[in-house]
């Protein structure tokens, strides 16, 4: 994964706006790169509340642990979670990779199964 710094001129006074990092998605060599642990919390019918994740170590019990890479797509993750649950009718852009969605190692993924 490589990062590129991009400068934008947002202000009318001609000053440069603060730098922001734009991530370029590059494929991960899955043979040479160690996978990360993605903790996925599922709930039938709705998402968990923020309060469910307020205390570290007391996260919801309905967890699926997936070892994956930052270039994994939502389709890949949906398929893996779907092996646990048979009803998968979500409408999302499942071609996006975790890195494209701003995922950082240590983030949780909360999945509502409708």
PDB file of N, CA and C in Angstrom:
ATOM      1  N   UNK A   1       0.859  -1.164   0.000  1.00  0.00           N
ATOM      2  CA  UNK A   1       0.000   0.000   0.000  1.00  0.00           C
ATOM      3  C   UNK A   1       0.902   1.223   0.000  1.00  0.00           C
ATOM      4  N   UNK A   2       0.700   2.092  -0.930  1.00  0.00           N
ATOM      5  CA  UNK A   2       1.508   3.302  -1.035  1.00  0.00           C
ATOM      6  C   UNK A   2       0.636   4.513  -0.780  1.00  0.00           C
ATOM      7  N   UNK A   3       1.227   5.550  -0.235  1.00  0.00           N
ATOM      8  CA  UNK A   3       0.490   6.785  -0.012  1.00  0.00           C
ATOM      9  C   UNK A   3       1.069   7.904  -0.865  1.00  0.00           C
ATOM     10  N   UNK A   4       0.246   8.804  -1.288  1.00  0.00           N
ATOM     11  CA  UNK A   4       0.666   9.960  -2.065  1.00  0.00           C
ATOM     12  C   UNK A   4       0.077  11.177  -1.390  1.00  0.00           C
ATOM     13  N   UNK A   5       0.869  12.225  -1.253  1.00  0.00           N
ATOM     14  CA  UNK A   5       0.345  13.451  -0.660  1.00  0.00           C
ATOM     15  C   UNK A   5      -0.174  14.343  -1.778  1.00  0.00           C
ATOM     16  N   UNK A   6      -1.358  14.844  -1.595  1.00  0.00           N
ATOM     17  CA  UNK A   6      -1.984  15.716  -2.586  1.00  0.00           C
ATOM     18  C   UNK A   6      -2.282  17.044  -1.926  1.00  0.00           C
ATOM     19  N   UNK A   7      -1.989  18.130  -2.634  1.00  0.00           N
ATOM     20  CA  UNK A   7      -2.244  19.467  -2.111  1.00  0.00           C
ATOM     21  C   UNK A   7      -3.429  20.040  -2.866  1.00  0.00           C
ATOM     22  N   UNK A   8      -4.331  20.668  -2.145  1.00  0.00           N
ATOM     23  CA  UNK A   8      -5.490  21.294  -2.777  1.00  0.00           C
ATOM     24  C   UNK A   8      -5.512  22.775  -2.431  1.00  0.00           C
ATOM     25  N   UNK A   9      -5.923  23.585  -3.386  1.00  0.00           N
ATOM     26  CA  UNK A   9      -6.081  25.019  -3.144  1.00  0.00           C
ATOM     27  C   UNK A   9      -7.569  25.278  -2.981  1.00  0.00           C
ATOM     28  N   UNK A  10      -8.043  25.296  -1.756  1.00  0.00           N
ATOM     29  CA  UNK A  10      -9.465  25.409  -1.469  1.00  0.00           C
ATOM     30  C   UNK A  10      -9.902  26.835  -1.190  1.00  0.00           C
ATOM     31  N   UNK A  11      -8.995  27.664  -0.755  1.00  0.00           N
ATOM     32  CA  UNK A  11      -9.385  28.954  -0.219  1.00  0.00           C
ATOM     33  C   UNK A  11      -9.257  30.054  -1.263  1.00  0.00           C
ATOM     34  N   UNK A  12     -10.107  31.027  -1.172  1.00  0.00           N
ATOM     35  CA  UNK A  12     -10.114  32.146  -2.122  1.00  0.00           C
ATOM     36  C   UNK A  12      -8.887  33.038  -1.990  1.00  0.00           C
ATOM     37  N   UNK A  13      -8.242  33.038  -0.817  1.00  0.00           N
ATOM     38  CA  UNK A  13      -7.092  33.912  -0.621  1.00  0.00           C
ATOM     39  C   UNK A  13      -5.817  33.361  -1.265  1.00  0.00           C
ATOM     40  N   UNK A  14      -5.926  32.202  -1.917  1.00  0.00           N
ATOM     41  CA  UNK A  14      -4.792  31.641  -2.641  1.00  0.00           C
ATOM     42  C   UNK A  14      -3.856  30.801  -1.806  1.00  0.00           C
ATOM     43  N   UNK A  15      -4.092  30.730  -0.502  1.00  0.00           N
ATOM     44  CA  UNK A  15      -3.247  29.882   0.341  1.00  0.00           C
ATOM     45  C   UNK A  15      -3.573  28.411   0.104  1.00  0.00           C
ATOM     46  N   UNK A  16      -2.570  27.602   0.291  1.00  0.00           N
ATOM     47  CA  UNK A  16      -2.771  26.171   0.116  1.00  0.00           C
ATOM     48  C   UNK A  16      -3.499  25.604   1.329  1.00  0.00           C
ATOM     49  N   UNK A  17      -4.438  24.739   1.056  1.00  0.00           N
ATOM     50  CA  UNK A  17      -5.144  24.045   2.135  1.00  0.00           C
ATOM     51  C   UNK A  17      -4.205  22.995   2.727  1.00  0.00           C
ATOM     52  N   UNK A  18      -4.514  22.477   3.904  1.00  0.00           N
ATOM     53  CA  UNK A  18      -3.654  21.450   4.514  1.00  0.00           C
ATOM     54  C   UNK A  18      -3.510  20.231   3.601  1.00  0.00           C
ATOM     55  N   UNK A  19      -2.363  19.576   3.740  1.00  0.00           N
ATOM     56  CA  UNK A  19      -2.118  18.352   2.974  1.00  0.00           C
ATOM     57  C   UNK A  19      -3.058  17.258   3.461  1.00  0.00           C
ATOM     58  N   UNK A  20      -3.510  16.437   2.525  1.00  0.00           N
ATOM     59  CA  UNK A  20      -4.273  15.253   2.934  1.00  0.00           C
ATOM     60  C   UNK A  20      -3.714  14.070   2.182  1.00  0.00           C
ATOM     61  N   UNK A  21      -3.703  12.949   2.837  1.00  0.00           N
ATOM     62  CA  UNK A  21      -3.126  11.764   2.231  1.00  0.00           C
ATOM     63  C   UNK A  21      -4.175  11.054   1.394  1.00  0.00           C
ATOM     64  N   UNK A  22      -3.808  10.714   0.185  1.00  0.00           N
ATOM     65  CA  UNK A  22      -4.676   9.959  -0.707  1.00  0.00           C
ATOM     66  C   UNK A  22      -4.032   8.605  -0.916  1.00  0.00           C
ATOM     67  N   UNK A  23      -4.728   7.564  -0.540  1.00  0.00           N
ATOM     68  CA  UNK A  23      -4.185   6.219  -0.671  1.00  0.00           C
ATOM     69  C   UNK A  23      -4.454   5.674  -2.058  1.00  0.00           C
ATOM     70  N   UNK A  24      -3.445   5.112  -2.640  1.00  0.00           N
ATOM     71  CA  UNK A  24      -3.599   4.439  -3.921  1.00  0.00           C
ATOM     72  C   UNK A  24      -3.667   2.945  -3.644  1.00  0.00           C
ATOM     73  N   UNK A  25      -4.687   2.305  -4.162  1.00  0.00           N
ATOM     74  CA  UNK A  25      -4.854   0.880  -3.919  1.00  0.00           C
ATOM     75  C   UNK A  25      -3.905   0.098  -4.800  1.00  0.00           C
ATOM     76  N   UNK A  26      -3.066  -0.677  -4.177  1.00  0.00           N
ATOM     77  CA  UNK A  26      -2.169  -1.562  -4.890  1.00  0.00           C
ATOM     78  C   UNK A  26      -2.440  -2.966  -4.389  1.00  0.00           C
ATOM     79  N   UNK A  27      -2.424  -3.946  -5.283  1.00  0.00           N
ATOM     80  CA  UNK A  27      -2.678  -5.316  -4.843  1.00  0.00           C
ATOM     81  C   UNK A  27      -1.636  -5.768  -3.818  1.00  0.00           C
ATOM     82  N   UNK A  28      -2.069  -6.581  -2.895  1.00  0.00           N
ATOM     83  CA  UNK A  28      -1.190  -7.131  -1.872  1.00  0.00           C
ATOM     84  C   UNK A  28      -0.742  -8.506  -2.341  1.00  0.00           C
ATOM     85  N   UNK A  29       0.549  -8.795  -2.203  1.00  0.00           N
ATOM     86  CA  UNK A  29       1.054 -10.130  -2.507  1.00  0.00           C
ATOM     87  C   UNK A  29       0.677 -11.022  -1.331  1.00  0.00           C
ATOM     88  N   UNK A  30      -0.401 -11.753  -1.486  1.00  0.00           N
ATOM     89  CA  UNK A  30      -0.955 -12.543  -0.380  1.00  0.00           C
ATOM     90  C   UNK A  30      -0.094 -13.745  -0.018  1.00  0.00           C
ATOM     91  N   UNK A  31       0.870 -14.070  -0.855  1.00  0.00           N
ATOM     92  CA  UNK A  31       1.802 -15.152  -0.536  1.00  0.00           C
ATOM     93  C   UNK A  31       2.913 -14.654   0.397  1.00  0.00           C
ATOM     94  N   UNK A  32       3.229 -13.354   0.306  1.00  0.00           N
ATOM     95  CA  UNK A  32       4.343 -12.807   1.069  1.00  0.00           C
ATOM     96  C   UNK A  32       3.913 -11.891   2.215  1.00  0.00           C
ATOM     97  N   UNK A  33       2.658 -11.443   2.202  1.00  0.00           N
ATOM     98  CA  UNK A  33       2.173 -10.505   3.208  1.00  0.00           C
ATOM     99  C   UNK A  33       1.330 -11.229   4.244  1.00  0.00           C
ATOM    100  N   UNK A  34       1.651 -11.001   5.504  1.00  0.00           N
ATOM    101  CA  UNK A  34       0.887 -11.617   6.594  1.00  0.00           C
ATOM    102  C   UNK A  34      -0.516 -11.012   6.633  1.00  0.00           C
ATOM    103  N   UNK A  35      -1.561 -11.838   6.761  1.00  0.00           N
ATOM    104  CA  UNK A  35      -2.918 -11.278   6.826  1.00  0.00           C
ATOM    105  C   UNK A  35      -3.168 -10.578   8.155  1.00  0.00           C
ATOM    106  N   UNK A  36      -4.185  -9.732   8.153  1.00  0.00           N
ATOM    107  CA  UNK A  36      -4.599  -9.054   9.373  1.00  0.00           C
ATOM    108  C   UNK A  36      -5.864  -9.717   9.895  1.00  0.00           C
ATOM    109  N   UNK A  37      -6.127  -9.566  11.166  1.00  0.00           N
ATOM    110  CA  UNK A  37      -7.349 -10.087  11.769  1.00  0.00           C
ATOM    111  C   UNK A  37      -8.427  -9.026  11.668  1.00  0.00           C
ATOM    112  N   UNK A  38      -9.511  -9.352  11.004  1.00  0.00           N
ATOM    113  CA  UNK A  38     -10.667  -8.464  10.908  1.00  0.00           C
ATOM    114  C   UNK A  38     -11.751  -9.034  11.813  1.00  0.00           C
ATOM    115  N   UNK A  39     -12.129  -8.271  12.816  1.00  0.00           N
ATOM    116  CA  UNK A  39     -13.179  -8.703  13.733  1.00  0.00           C
ATOM    117  C   UNK A  39     -14.505  -8.174  13.204  1.00  0.00           C
ATOM    118  N   UNK A  40     -15.367  -9.083  12.787  1.00  0.00           N
ATOM    119  CA  UNK A  40     -16.657  -8.736  12.195  1.00  0.00           C
ATOM    120  C   UNK A  40     -17.741  -9.085  13.202  1.00  0.00           C
ATOM    121  N   UNK A  41     -18.570  -8.103  13.521  1.00  0.00           N
ATOM    122  CA  UNK A  41     -19.665  -8.306  14.460  1.00  0.00           C
ATOM    123  C   UNK A  41     -20.963  -8.269  13.675  1.00  0.00           C
ATOM    124  N   UNK A  42     -21.716  -9.339  13.750  1.00  0.00           N
ATOM    125  CA  UNK A  42     -22.955  -9.459  12.984  1.00  0.00           C
ATOM    126  C   UNK A  42     -24.157  -9.344  13.907  1.00  0.00           C
ATOM    127  N   UNK A  43     -25.242  -8.876  13.331  1.00  0.00           N
ATOM    128  CA  UNK A  43     -26.491  -8.773  14.094  1.00  0.00           C
ATOM    129  C   UNK A  43     -27.636  -8.910  13.103  1.00  0.00           C
ATOM    130  N   UNK A  44     -28.592  -9.758  13.423  1.00  0.00           N
ATOM    131  CA  UNK A  44     -29.754  -9.961  12.567  1.00  0.00           C
ATOM    132  C   UNK A  44     -30.695  -8.757  12.701  1.00  0.00           C
ATOM    133  N   UNK A  45     -31.043  -8.142  11.573  1.00  0.00           N
ATOM    134  CA  UNK A  45     -32.058  -7.100  11.546  1.00  0.00           C
ATOM    135  C   UNK A  45     -31.607  -5.677  11.769  1.00  0.00           C
ATOM    136  N   UNK A  46     -30.403  -5.451  12.318  1.00  0.00           N
ATOM    137  CA  UNK A  46     -29.979  -4.085  12.606  1.00  0.00           C
ATOM    138  C   UNK A  46     -28.491  -4.077  12.912  1.00  0.00           C
ATOM    139  N   UNK A  47     -27.914  -2.875  12.975  1.00  0.00           N
ATOM    140  CA  UNK A  47     -26.524  -2.729  13.388  1.00  0.00           C
ATOM    141  C   UNK A  47     -26.451  -2.653  14.908  1.00  0.00           C
ATOM    142  N   UNK A  48     -25.262  -2.901  15.440  1.00  0.00           N
ATOM    143  CA  UNK A  48     -25.019  -2.679  16.859  1.00  0.00           C
ATOM    144  C   UNK A  48     -24.949  -1.180  17.109  1.00  0.00           C
ATOM    145  N   UNK A  49     -25.145  -0.786  18.342  1.00  0.00           N
ATOM    146  CA  UNK A  49     -25.005   0.624  18.706  1.00  0.00           C
ATOM    147  C   UNK A  49     -23.537   0.910  19.023  1.00  0.00           C
ATOM    148  N   UNK A  50     -23.170   2.185  19.021  1.00  0.00           N
ATOM    149  CA  UNK A  50     -21.804   2.574  19.379  1.00  0.00           C
ATOM    150  C   UNK A  50     -21.485   2.150  20.805  1.00  0.00           C
ATOM    151  N   UNK A  51     -22.486   2.180  21.659  1.00  0.00           N
ATOM    152  CA  UNK A  51     -22.275   1.802  23.055  1.00  0.00           C
ATOM    153  C   UNK A  51     -21.863   0.335  23.195  1.00  0.00           C
ATOM    154  N   UNK A  52     -22.261  -0.504  22.242  1.00  0.00           N
ATOM    155  CA  UNK A  52     -21.877  -1.914  22.284  1.00  0.00           C
ATOM    156  C   UNK A  52     -20.369  -2.095  22.175  1.00  0.00           C
ATOM    157  N   UNK A  53     -19.672  -1.073  21.652  1.00  0.00           N
ATOM    158  CA  UNK A  53     -18.232  -1.155  21.453  1.00  0.00           C
ATOM    159  C   UNK A  53     -17.466  -0.201  22.367  1.00  0.00           C
ATOM    160  N   UNK A  54     -18.135   0.379  23.344  1.00  0.00           N
ATOM    161  CA  UNK A  54     -17.536   1.414  24.189  1.00  0.00           C
ATOM    162  C   UNK A  54     -16.441   0.877  25.105  1.00  0.00           C
ATOM    163  N   UNK A  55     -16.565  -0.364  25.555  1.00  0.00           N
ATOM    164  CA  UNK A  55     -15.601  -0.925  26.503  1.00  0.00           C
ATOM    165  C   UNK A  55     -14.820  -2.047  25.823  1.00  0.00           C
ATOM    166  N   UNK A  56     -13.504  -1.824  25.677  1.00  0.00           N
ATOM    167  CA  UNK A  56     -12.641  -2.826  25.059  1.00  0.00           C
ATOM    168  C   UNK A  56     -12.682  -4.111  25.873  1.00  0.00           C
ATOM    169  N   UNK A  57     -12.859  -5.221  25.178  1.00  0.00           N
ATOM    170  CA  UNK A  57     -12.951  -6.515  25.845  1.00  0.00           C
ATOM    171  C   UNK A  57     -14.381  -6.937  26.144  1.00  0.00           C
ATOM    172  N   UNK A  58     -15.335  -6.009  25.968  1.00  0.00           N
ATOM    173  CA  UNK A  58     -16.742  -6.318  26.194  1.00  0.00           C
ATOM    174  C   UNK A  58     -17.553  -6.046  24.929  1.00  0.00           C
ATOM    175  N   UNK A  59     -16.947  -6.383  23.774  1.00  0.00           N
ATOM    176  CA  UNK A  59     -17.637  -6.229  22.502  1.00  0.00           C
ATOM    177  C   UNK A  59     -18.755  -7.264  22.406  1.00  0.00           C
ATOM    178  N   UNK A  60     -19.672  -7.095  21.471  1.00  0.00           N
ATOM    179  CA  UNK A  60     -20.756  -8.075  21.302  1.00  0.00           C
ATOM    180  C   UNK A  60     -20.212  -9.489  21.088  1.00  0.00           C
ATOM    181  N   UNK A  61     -20.997 -10.464  21.474  1.00  0.00           N
ATOM    182  CA  UNK A  61     -20.569 -11.870  21.403  1.00  0.00           C
ATOM    183  C   UNK A  61     -20.683 -12.469  20.002  1.00  0.00           C
ATOM    184  N   UNK A  62     -21.487 -11.862  19.137  1.00  0.00           N
ATOM    185  CA  UNK A  62     -21.727 -12.428  17.809  1.00  0.00           C
ATOM    186  C   UNK A  62     -20.631 -12.000  16.829  1.00  0.00           C
ATOM    187  N   UNK A  63     -19.426 -12.534  17.062  1.00  0.00           N
ATOM    188  CA  UNK A  63     -18.242 -12.129  16.304  1.00  0.00           C
ATOM    189  C   UNK A  63     -17.795 -13.241  15.362  1.00  0.00           C
ATOM    190  N   UNK A  64     -17.401 -12.831  14.165  1.00  0.00           N
ATOM    191  CA  UNK A  64     -16.764 -13.727  13.205  1.00  0.00           C
ATOM    192  C   UNK A  64     -15.372 -13.170  12.988  1.00  0.00           C
ATOM    193  N   UNK A  65     -14.346 -13.971  13.193  1.00  0.00           N
ATOM    194  CA  UNK A  65     -12.981 -13.508  12.985  1.00  0.00           C
ATOM    195  C   UNK A  65     -12.503 -13.971  11.618  1.00  0.00           C
ATOM    196  N   UNK A  66     -12.033 -13.024  10.824  1.00  0.00           N
ATOM    197  CA  UNK A  66     -11.596 -13.308   9.458  1.00  0.00           C
ATOM    198  C   UNK A  66     -10.163 -12.824   9.303  1.00  0.00           C
ATOM    199  N   UNK A  67      -9.304 -13.690   8.812  1.00  0.00           N
ATOM    200  CA  UNK A  67      -7.944 -13.279   8.473  1.00  0.00           C
ATOM    201  C   UNK A  67      -7.946 -12.912   6.999  1.00  0.00           C
ATOM    202  N   UNK A  68      -7.562 -11.672   6.710  1.00  0.00           N
ATOM    203  CA  UNK A  68      -7.660 -11.161   5.348  1.00  0.00           C
ATOM    204  C   UNK A  68      -6.587 -10.110   5.116  1.00  0.00           C
ATOM    205  N   UNK A  69      -6.639  -9.428   3.989  1.00  0.00           N
ATOM    206  CA  UNK A  69      -5.688  -8.395   3.609  1.00  0.00           C
ATOM    207  C   UNK A  69      -6.433  -7.113   3.280  1.00  0.00           C
ATOM    208  N   UNK A  70      -5.716  -5.978   3.272  1.00  0.00           N
ATOM    209  CA  UNK A  70      -6.361  -4.691   3.029  1.00  0.00           C
ATOM    210  C   UNK A  70      -6.899  -4.536   1.616  1.00  0.00           C
ATOM    211  N   UNK A  71      -6.494  -5.406   0.703  1.00  0.00           N
ATOM    212  CA  UNK A  71      -7.048  -5.324  -0.650  1.00  0.00           C
ATOM    213  C   UNK A  71      -8.263  -6.239  -0.824  1.00  0.00           C
ATOM    214  N   UNK A  72      -8.717  -6.869   0.274  1.00  0.00           N
ATOM    215  CA  UNK A  72      -9.912  -7.718   0.207  1.00  0.00           C
ATOM    216  C   UNK A  72     -11.121  -6.847  -0.122  1.00  0.00           C
ATOM    217  N   UNK A  73     -11.982  -7.352  -0.997  1.00  0.00           N
ATOM    218  CA  UNK A  73     -13.185  -6.596  -1.356  1.00  0.00           C
ATOM    219  C   UNK A  73     -14.328  -6.942  -0.420  1.00  0.00           C
ATOM    220  N   UNK A  74     -15.323  -6.075  -0.438  1.00  0.00           N
ATOM    221  CA  UNK A  74     -16.521  -6.360   0.355  1.00  0.00           C
ATOM    222  C   UNK A  74     -17.193  -7.644  -0.125  1.00  0.00           C
ATOM    223  N   UNK A  75     -17.090  -7.960  -1.413  1.00  0.00           N
ATOM    224  CA  UNK A  75     -17.645  -9.218  -1.936  1.00  0.00           C
ATOM    225  C   UNK A  75     -16.977 -10.412  -1.263  1.00  0.00           C
ATOM    226  N   UNK A  76     -15.647 -10.386  -1.149  1.00  0.00           N
ATOM    227  CA  UNK A  76     -14.931 -11.472  -0.479  1.00  0.00           C
ATOM    228  C   UNK A  76     -15.402 -11.623   0.968  1.00  0.00           C
ATOM    229  N   UNK A  77     -15.507 -10.490   1.657  1.00  0.00           N
ATOM    230  CA  UNK A  77     -15.923 -10.528   3.060  1.00  0.00           C
ATOM    231  C   UNK A  77     -17.364 -10.985   3.196  1.00  0.00           C
ATOM    232  N   UNK A  78     -18.228 -10.532   2.271  1.00  0.00           N
ATOM    233  CA  UNK A  78     -19.635 -10.955   2.296  1.00  0.00           C
ATOM    234  C   UNK A  78     -19.728 -12.467   2.117  1.00  0.00           C
ATOM    235  N   UNK A  79     -18.934 -12.990   1.211  1.00  0.00           N
ATOM    236  CA  UNK A  79     -18.943 -14.442   0.993  1.00  0.00           C
ATOM    237  C   UNK A  79     -18.486 -15.197   2.234  1.00  0.00           C
ATOM    238  N   UNK A  80     -17.446 -14.684   2.897  1.00  0.00           N
ATOM    239  CA  UNK A  80     -16.947 -15.355   4.098  1.00  0.00           C
ATOM    240  C   UNK A  80     -17.958 -15.293   5.239  1.00  0.00           C
ATOM    241  N   UNK A  81     -18.543 -14.114   5.450  1.00  0.00           N
ATOM    242  CA  UNK A  81     -19.560 -13.989   6.500  1.00  0.00           C
ATOM    243  C   UNK A  81     -20.800 -14.787   6.110  1.00  0.00           C
ATOM    244  N   UNK A  82     -21.113 -14.806   4.820  1.00  0.00           N
ATOM    245  CA  UNK A  82     -22.286 -15.530   4.324  1.00  0.00           C
ATOM    246  C   UNK A  82     -22.215 -17.028   4.536  1.00  0.00           C
ATOM    247  N   UNK A  83     -21.016 -17.557   4.721  1.00  0.00           N
ATOM    248  CA  UNK A  83     -20.895 -18.986   5.026  1.00  0.00           C
ATOM    249  C   UNK A  83     -21.491 -19.302   6.390  1.00  0.00           C
ATOM    250  N   UNK A  84     -21.579 -18.260   7.231  1.00  0.00           N
ATOM    251  CA  UNK A  84     -22.179 -18.420   8.547  1.00  0.00           C
ATOM    252  C   UNK A  84     -23.682 -18.191   8.507  1.00  0.00           C
ATOM    253  N   UNK A  85     -24.121 -17.262   7.647  1.00  0.00           N
ATOM    254  CA  UNK A  85     -25.536 -16.909   7.540  1.00  0.00           C
ATOM    255  C   UNK A  85     -25.980 -17.091   6.093  1.00  0.00           C
ATOM    256  N   UNK A  86     -27.126 -17.670   5.893  1.00  0.00           N
ATOM    257  CA  UNK A  86     -27.581 -17.971   4.533  1.00  0.00           C
ATOM    258  C   UNK A  86     -28.294 -16.814   3.845  1.00  0.00           C
ATOM    259  N   UNK A  87     -28.812 -15.832   4.582  1.00  0.00           N
ATOM    260  CA  UNK A  87     -29.583 -14.738   3.984  1.00  0.00           C
ATOM    261  C   UNK A  87     -28.686 -13.520   3.785  1.00  0.00           C
ATOM    262  N   UNK A  88     -28.295 -13.258   2.516  1.00  0.00           N
ATOM    263  CA  UNK A  88     -27.415 -12.122   2.220  1.00  0.00           C
ATOM    264  C   UNK A  88     -28.064 -11.298   1.125  1.00  0.00           C
ATOM    265  N   UNK A  89     -28.873 -10.324   1.477  1.00  0.00           N
ATOM    266  CA  UNK A  89     -29.564  -9.497   0.492  1.00  0.00           C
ATOM    267  C   UNK A  89     -29.075  -8.059   0.502  1.00  0.00           C
ATOM    268  N   UNK A  90     -27.836  -7.818   0.939  1.00  0.00           N
ATOM    269  CA  UNK A  90     -27.343  -6.445   1.035  1.00  0.00           C
ATOM    270  C   UNK A  90     -27.169  -5.784  -0.312  1.00  0.00           C
ATOM    271  N   UNK A  91     -27.321  -4.459  -0.347  1.00  0.00           N
ATOM    272  CA  UNK A  91     -27.107  -3.671  -1.550  1.00  0.00           C
ATOM    273  C   UNK A  91     -25.941  -2.737  -1.276  1.00  0.00           C
ATOM    274  N   UNK A  92     -24.742  -3.181  -1.602  1.00  0.00           N
ATOM    275  CA  UNK A  92     -23.571  -2.370  -1.367  1.00  0.00           C
ATOM    276  C   UNK A  92     -22.621  -2.529  -2.534  1.00  0.00           C
ATOM    277  N   UNK A  93     -21.687  -1.635  -2.647  1.00  0.00           N
ATOM    278  CA  UNK A  93     -20.693  -1.714  -3.704  1.00  0.00           C
ATOM    279  C   UNK A  93     -19.634  -2.702  -3.258  1.00  0.00           C
ATOM    280  N   UNK A  94     -19.865  -3.959  -3.548  1.00  0.00           N
ATOM    281  CA  UNK A  94     -19.004  -5.007  -3.016  1.00  0.00           C
ATOM    282  C   UNK A  94     -17.702  -5.174  -3.777  1.00  0.00           C
ATOM    283  N   UNK A  95     -17.435  -4.334  -4.747  1.00  0.00           N
ATOM    284  CA  UNK A  95     -16.167  -4.364  -5.454  1.00  0.00           C
ATOM    285  C   UNK A  95     -15.106  -3.502  -4.794  1.00  0.00           C
ATOM    286  N   UNK A  96     -15.494  -2.723  -3.785  1.00  0.00           N
ATOM    287  CA  UNK A  96     -14.550  -1.844  -3.094  1.00  0.00           C
ATOM    288  C   UNK A  96     -13.681  -2.660  -2.137  1.00  0.00           C
ATOM    289  N   UNK A  97     -12.422  -2.279  -2.054  1.00  0.00           N
ATOM    290  CA  UNK A  97     -11.491  -2.921  -1.123  1.00  0.00           C
ATOM    291  C   UNK A  97     -11.523  -2.202   0.217  1.00  0.00           C
ATOM    292  N   UNK A  98     -11.106  -2.897   1.256  1.00  0.00           N
ATOM    293  CA  UNK A  98     -11.069  -2.296   2.595  1.00  0.00           C
ATOM    294  C   UNK A  98     -10.265  -1.006   2.599  1.00  0.00           C
ATOM    295  N   UNK A  99      -9.131  -1.004   1.932  1.00  0.00           N
ATOM    296  CA  UNK A  99      -8.278   0.185   1.911  1.00  0.00           C
ATOM    297  C   UNK A  99      -8.989   1.368   1.260  1.00  0.00           C
ATOM    298  N   UNK A 100      -9.797   1.117   0.237  1.00  0.00           N
ATOM    299  CA  UNK A 100     -10.535   2.192  -0.428  1.00  0.00           C
ATOM    300  C   UNK A 100     -11.579   2.814   0.489  1.00  0.00           C
ATOM    301  N   UNK A 101     -12.017   2.071   1.480  1.00  0.00           N
ATOM    302  CA  UNK A 101     -13.045   2.540   2.402  1.00  0.00           C
ATOM    303  C   UNK A 101     -12.457   3.170   3.662  1.00  0.00           C
ATOM    304  N   UNK A 102     -11.147   3.350   3.681  1.00  0.00           N
ATOM    305  CA  UNK A 102     -10.507   3.984   4.830  1.00  0.00           C
ATOM    306  C   UNK A 102     -10.241   3.040   5.985  1.00  0.00           C
ATOM    307  N   UNK A 103     -10.338   1.733   5.751  1.00  0.00           N
ATOM    308  CA  UNK A 103     -10.092   0.751   6.805  1.00  0.00           C
ATOM    309  C   UNK A 103      -8.665   0.870   7.312  1.00  0.00           C
ATOM    310  N   UNK A 104      -8.516   0.793   8.629  1.00  0.00           N
ATOM    311  CA  UNK A 104      -7.200   0.749   9.244  1.00  0.00           C
ATOM    312  C   UNK A 104      -7.142  -0.478  10.132  1.00  0.00           C
ATOM    313  N   UNK A 105      -5.970  -1.081  10.208  1.00  0.00           N
ATOM    314  CA  UNK A 105      -5.811  -2.275  11.032  1.00  0.00           C
ATOM    315  C   UNK A 105      -6.230  -1.939  12.453  1.00  0.00           C
ATOM    316  N   UNK A 106      -7.093  -2.775  13.013  1.00  0.00           N
ATOM    317  CA  UNK A 106      -7.648  -2.557  14.351  1.00  0.00           C
ATOM    318  C   UNK A 106      -9.089  -2.097  14.316  1.00  0.00           C
ATOM    319  N   UNK A 107      -9.568  -1.660  13.138  1.00  0.00           N
ATOM    320  CA  UNK A 107     -10.972  -1.279  13.003  1.00  0.00           C
ATOM    321  C   UNK A 107     -11.868  -2.506  13.104  1.00  0.00           C
ATOM    322  N   UNK A 108     -13.105  -2.285  13.540  1.00  0.00           N
ATOM    323  CA  UNK A 108     -14.115  -3.332  13.552  1.00  0.00           C
ATOM    324  C   UNK A 108     -14.993  -3.168  12.327  1.00  0.00           C
ATOM    325  N   UNK A 109     -15.670  -4.234  11.956  1.00  0.00           N
ATOM    326  CA  UNK A 109     -16.673  -4.184  10.902  1.00  0.00           C
ATOM    327  C   UNK A 109     -17.980  -4.662  11.510  1.00  0.00           C
ATOM    328  N   UNK A 110     -19.003  -3.817  11.472  1.00  0.00           N
ATOM    329  CA  UNK A 110     -20.316  -4.159  12.010  1.00  0.00           C
ATOM    330  C   UNK A 110     -21.234  -4.465  10.829  1.00  0.00           C
ATOM    331  N   UNK A 111     -21.809  -5.656  10.814  1.00  0.00           N
ATOM    332  CA  UNK A 111     -22.631  -6.117   9.693  1.00  0.00           C
ATOM    333  C   UNK A 111     -24.041  -6.371  10.185  1.00  0.00           C
ATOM    334  N   UNK A 112     -25.021  -5.716   9.556  1.00  0.00           N
ATOM    335  CA  UNK A 112     -26.430  -5.994   9.843  1.00  0.00           C
ATOM    336  C   UNK A 112     -26.921  -6.992   8.806  1.00  0.00           C
ATOM    337  N   UNK A 113     -27.480  -8.088   9.245  1.00  0.00           N
ATOM    338  CA  UNK A 113     -28.005  -9.116   8.348  1.00  0.00           C
ATOM    339  C   UNK A 113     -29.505  -8.929   8.289  1.00  0.00           C
ATOM    340  N   UNK A 114     -29.973  -8.498   7.138  1.00  0.00           N
ATOM    341  CA  UNK A 114     -31.402  -8.171   6.971  1.00  0.00           C
ATOM    342  C   UNK A 114     -32.120  -9.268   6.215  1.00  0.00           C
TER     343      UNK A 114
END
